[in-house]
Structure formats: structure tokens, C-alpha cells
C-alpha atoms as a PDB file:
ATOM      1  CA  UNK A   1      -6.131 -41.114  -5.846  1.00  0.00           C
ATOM      2  CA  UNK A   2      -6.358 -38.017  -8.087  1.00  0.00           C
ATOM      3  CA  UNK A   3      -8.102 -36.128  -5.325  1.00  0.00           C
ATOM      4  CA  UNK A   4      -5.311 -36.984  -2.903  1.00  0.00           C
ATOM      5  CA  UNK A   5      -2.611 -35.851  -5.334  1.00  0.00           C
ATOM      6  CA  UNK A   6      -4.422 -32.584  -6.096  1.00  0.00           C
ATOM      7  CA  UNK A   7      -4.945 -31.944  -2.365  1.00  0.00           C
ATOM      8  CA  UNK A   8      -1.258 -32.586  -1.742  1.00  0.00           C
ATOM      9  CA  UNK A   9      -0.257 -30.175  -4.527  1.00  0.00           C
ATOM     10  CA  UNK A  10      -2.710 -27.572  -3.246  1.00  0.00           C
ATOM     11  CA  UNK A  11      -1.356 -27.913   0.278  1.00  0.00           C
ATOM     12  CA  UNK A  12       2.221 -27.500  -0.980  1.00  0.00           C
ATOM     13  CA  UNK A  13       1.314 -24.390  -2.964  1.00  0.00           C
ATOM     14  CA  UNK A  14      -0.427 -22.708  -0.030  1.00  0.00           C
ATOM     15  CA  UNK A  15       2.544 -23.428   2.249  1.00  0.00           C
ATOM     16  CA  UNK A  16       4.969 -21.723  -0.110  1.00  0.00           C
ATOM     17  CA  UNK A  17       5.026 -18.046   1.021  1.00  0.00           C
ATOM     18  CA  UNK A  18       7.144 -16.834  -1.894  1.00  0.00           C
ATOM     19  CA  UNK A  19       4.534 -17.886  -4.412  1.00  0.00           C
ATOM     20  CA  UNK A  20       1.806 -16.182  -2.384  1.00  0.00           C
ATOM     21  CA  UNK A  21       3.893 -13.001  -2.089  1.00  0.00           C
ATOM     22  CA  UNK A  22       4.580 -13.051  -5.821  1.00  0.00           C
ATOM     23  CA  UNK A  23       0.868 -13.158  -6.652  1.00  0.00           C
ATOM     24  CA  UNK A  24       0.093 -10.551  -4.019  1.00  0.00           C
ATOM     25  CA  UNK A  25       2.721  -8.262  -5.546  1.00  0.00           C
ATOM     26  CA  UNK A  26       1.333  -8.791  -9.040  1.00  0.00           C
ATOM     27  CA  UNK A  27      -2.152  -7.991  -7.771  1.00  0.00           C
ATOM     28  CA  UNK A  28      -0.992  -4.771  -6.065  1.00  0.00           C
ATOM     29  CA  UNK A  29       0.862  -3.602  -9.183  1.00  0.00           C
ATOM     30  CA  UNK A  30      -2.207  -4.321 -11.331  1.00  0.00           C
ATOM     31  CA  UNK A  31      -4.452  -2.332  -8.989  1.00  0.00           C
ATOM     32  CA  UNK A  32      -2.056   0.636  -9.002  1.00  0.00           C
ATOM     33  CA  UNK A  33      -1.795   0.623 -12.816  1.00  0.00           C
ATOM     34  CA  UNK A  34      -5.575   0.420 -13.133  1.00  0.00           C
ATOM     35  CA  UNK A  35      -5.994   3.311 -10.671  1.00  0.00           C
ATOM     36  CA  UNK A  36      -3.554   5.512 -12.592  1.00  0.00           C
ATOM     37  CA  UNK A  37      -5.310   4.710 -15.870  1.00  0.00           C
ATOM     38  CA  UNK A  38      -8.690   5.629 -14.376  1.00  0.00           C
ATOM     39  CA  UNK A  39      -7.292   8.918 -13.015  1.00  0.00           C
ATOM     40  CA  UNK A  40      -5.832   9.828 -16.412  1.00  0.00           C
ATOM     41  CA  UNK A  41      -9.092   9.129 -18.230  1.00  0.00           C
ATOM     42  CA  UNK A  42     -11.065  11.034 -15.601  1.00  0.00           C
ATOM     43  CA  UNK A  43      -8.742  14.041 -15.788  1.00  0.00           C
ATOM     44  CA  UNK A  44      -8.928  14.069 -19.574  1.00  0.00           C
ATOM     45  CA  UNK A  45     -12.740  13.864 -19.610  1.00  0.00           C
ATOM     46  CA  UNK A  46     -13.515  16.221 -16.717  1.00  0.00           C
ATOM     47  CA  UNK A  47     -10.464  18.487 -16.805  1.00  0.00           C
ATOM     48  CA  UNK A  48     -11.271  20.386 -19.978  1.00  0.00           C
ATOM     49  CA  UNK A  49     -14.764  21.425 -18.870  1.00  0.00           C
ATOM     50  CA  UNK A  50     -13.712  22.370 -15.347  1.00  0.00           C
ATOM     51  CA  UNK A  51     -10.693  24.397 -16.444  1.00  0.00           C
ATOM     52  CA  UNK A  52     -12.781  26.553 -18.791  1.00  0.00           C
ATOM     53  CA  UNK A  53     -15.312  27.361 -16.074  1.00  0.00           C
ATOM     54  CA  UNK A  54     -12.591  28.020 -13.525  1.00  0.00           C
ATOM     55  CA  UNK A  55     -10.639  30.197 -15.948  1.00  0.00           C
ATOM     56  CA  UNK A  56     -13.723  32.259 -16.738  1.00  0.00           C
ATOM     57  CA  UNK A  57     -14.443  32.781 -13.016  1.00  0.00           C
ATOM     58  CA  UNK A  58     -10.875  33.879 -12.272  1.00  0.00           C
ATOM     59  CA  UNK A  59     -10.802  36.204 -15.265  1.00  0.00           C
ATOM     60  CA  UNK A  60     -14.072  37.805 -14.134  1.00  0.00           C
ATOM     61  CA  UNK A  61     -12.578  38.395 -10.671  1.00  0.00           C
ATOM     62  CA  UNK A  62      -9.423  39.867 -12.204  1.00  0.00           C
ATOM     63  CA  UNK A  63     -11.498  42.235 -14.367  1.00  0.00           C
ATOM     64  CA  UNK A  64     -13.489  43.373 -11.338  1.00  0.00           C
ATOM     65  CA  UNK A  65     -10.290  44.037  -9.392  1.00  0.00           C
ATOM     66  CA  UNK A  66      -8.839  46.000 -12.328  1.00  0.00           C
ATOM     67  CA  UNK A  67     -12.028  48.011 -12.804  1.00  0.00           C
ATOM     68  CA  UNK A  68     -12.337  48.821  -9.092  1.00  0.00           C
ATOM     69  CA  UNK A  69      -8.742  50.078  -8.926  1.00  0.00           C
ATOM     70  CA  UNK A  70      -7.427  47.302  -6.666  1.00  0.00           C
ATOM     71  CA  UNK A  71      -5.051  46.233  -9.441  1.00  0.00           C
ATOM     72  CA  UNK A  72      -3.167  48.126 -12.148  1.00  0.00           C
ATOM     73  CA  UNK A  73      -3.498  47.298 -15.831  1.00  0.00           C
ATOM     74  CA  UNK A  74       0.038  45.862 -15.802  1.00  0.00           C
ATOM     75  CA  UNK A  75      -0.781  43.612 -12.834  1.00  0.00           C
ATOM     76  CA  UNK A  76      -3.992  42.528 -14.557  1.00  0.00           C
ATOM     77  CA  UNK A  77      -2.142  41.659 -17.770  1.00  0.00           C
ATOM     78  CA  UNK A  78       0.513  39.705 -15.847  1.00  0.00           C
ATOM     79  CA  UNK A  79      -2.078  37.764 -13.828  1.00  0.00           C
ATOM     80  CA  UNK A  80      -4.187  37.060 -16.918  1.00  0.00           C
ATOM     81  CA  UNK A  81      -1.213  35.772 -18.917  1.00  0.00           C
ATOM     82  CA  UNK A  82      -0.042  33.672 -15.991  1.00  0.00           C
ATOM     83  CA  UNK A  83      -3.494  32.159 -15.480  1.00  0.00           C
ATOM     84  CA  UNK A  84      -4.076  31.309 -19.121  1.00  0.00           C
ATOM     85  CA  UNK A  85      -0.580  29.833 -19.492  1.00  0.00           C
ATOM     86  CA  UNK A  86      -0.977  27.694 -16.365  1.00  0.00           C
ATOM     87  CA  UNK A  87      -4.357  26.377 -17.483  1.00  0.00           C
ATOM     88  CA  UNK A  88      -2.961  25.653 -20.942  1.00  0.00           C
ATOM     89  CA  UNK A  89      -0.202  23.600 -19.307  1.00  0.00           C
ATOM     90  CA  UNK A  90       2.660  25.851 -20.329  1.00  0.00           C
ATOM     91  CA  UNK A  91       3.761  26.965 -16.860  1.00  0.00           C
ATOM     92  CA  UNK A  92       4.537  30.579 -16.045  1.00  0.00           C
ATOM     93  CA  UNK A  93       5.013  32.937 -18.998  1.00  0.00           C
ATOM     94  CA  UNK A  94       8.134  35.072 -19.166  1.00  0.00           C
ATOM     95  CA  UNK A  95       6.793  38.600 -19.034  1.00  0.00           C
ATOM     96  CA  UNK A  96       8.120  41.755 -17.435  1.00  0.00           C
ATOM     97  CA  UNK A  97       7.096  42.349 -13.845  1.00  0.00           C
ATOM     98  CA  UNK A  98       4.763  45.283 -13.272  1.00  0.00           C
ATOM     99  CA  UNK A  99       6.178  48.505 -11.931  1.00  0.00           C
ATOM    100  CA  UNK A 100       5.920  48.947  -8.190  1.00  0.00           C
ATOM    101  CA  UNK A 101       3.867  51.961  -7.337  1.00  0.00           C
ATOM    102  CA  UNK A 102       1.825  52.785  -4.268  1.00  0.00           C
ATOM    103  CA  UNK A 103      -1.829  51.759  -4.279  1.00  0.00           C
ATOM    104  CA  UNK A 104      -4.347  54.455  -5.245  1.00  0.00           C
ATOM    105  CA  UNK A 105      -5.797  56.507  -2.384  1.00  0.00           C
ATOM    106  CA  UNK A 106      -9.241  55.579  -1.074  1.00  0.00           C
ATOM    107  CA  UNK A 107     -12.168  57.337  -2.781  1.00  0.00           C
ATOM    108  CA  UNK A 108     -12.812  60.830  -1.436  1.00  0.00           C
ATOM    109  CA  UNK A 109      -9.222  61.370  -0.330  1.00  0.00           C
ATOM    110  CA  UNK A 110      -6.954  63.685  -2.270  1.00  0.00           C
ATOM    111  CA  UNK A 111      -3.621  62.316  -3.465  1.00  0.00           C
ATOM    112  CA  UNK A 112      -1.745  64.944  -1.386  1.00  0.00           C
ATOM    113  CA  UNK A 113      -3.409  63.681   1.816  1.00  0.00           C
ATOM    114  CA  UNK A 114      -2.698  60.021   1.007  1.00  0.00           C
ATOM    115  CA  UNK A 115       1.072  60.435   0.969  1.00  0.00           C
ATOM    116  CA  UNK A 116       1.357  62.504   4.129  1.00  0.00           C
END
């Protein structure tokens, strides 16, 4: 008798699509929340180490460009401030834009010849 009643109740519950959809929705929401929590923890744990290494690599490249003459000191300072602010999570800093001047002439070429 009890088995028959429990089978009848089970059959009624599985035939009710709204109850199934409710539990499916709850399951999907739980999975999404768990995924977001895992991403936040992962970013917090891995983000600090990766950003320092990345920042150091970019700063080394910027220094090389400045030293080789591909970038002016003003451009270097602007790029460096922008990079450090972005990695610190502050967005773009409000600094003056560098002056626009023509690039330096290639090595071995006089400045008179470079401008025509």
C-alpha cells in the first residue's frame, strides 16, 4: 500500500513540468553563481603574480624603445603612467599629451637631409 502511494506521488511529481523547470532553473543559477565565485577567487590568486610579471615586461620594452630613440621621454612617461594606472585598476591617468614632433632621422642621416 505505501509503495503504491509513493509511486503515485512520484509519478505525479514527474508529470508536473513546472516543478521540474523550477528545479532546473535553481540548478542553473547555482552553477552560474559557483562559476563566478571560482573566477573571482582565481583572478585574486593568480592576477597579482601575473600582473607584476606582465608590467615588468612591458616596462622593459618601453625602456628599450625610449633608449633606442623610437619614443620620446614624454611618450615614455605617458605610456608608463598609463600602464601602471591600468594595472593598479585606476583606469587612465589624466596627464598632458606629449608634444607632436617628427620622429628622429635614421642613424647616419643628417637632420637637414631628413626633412627634405
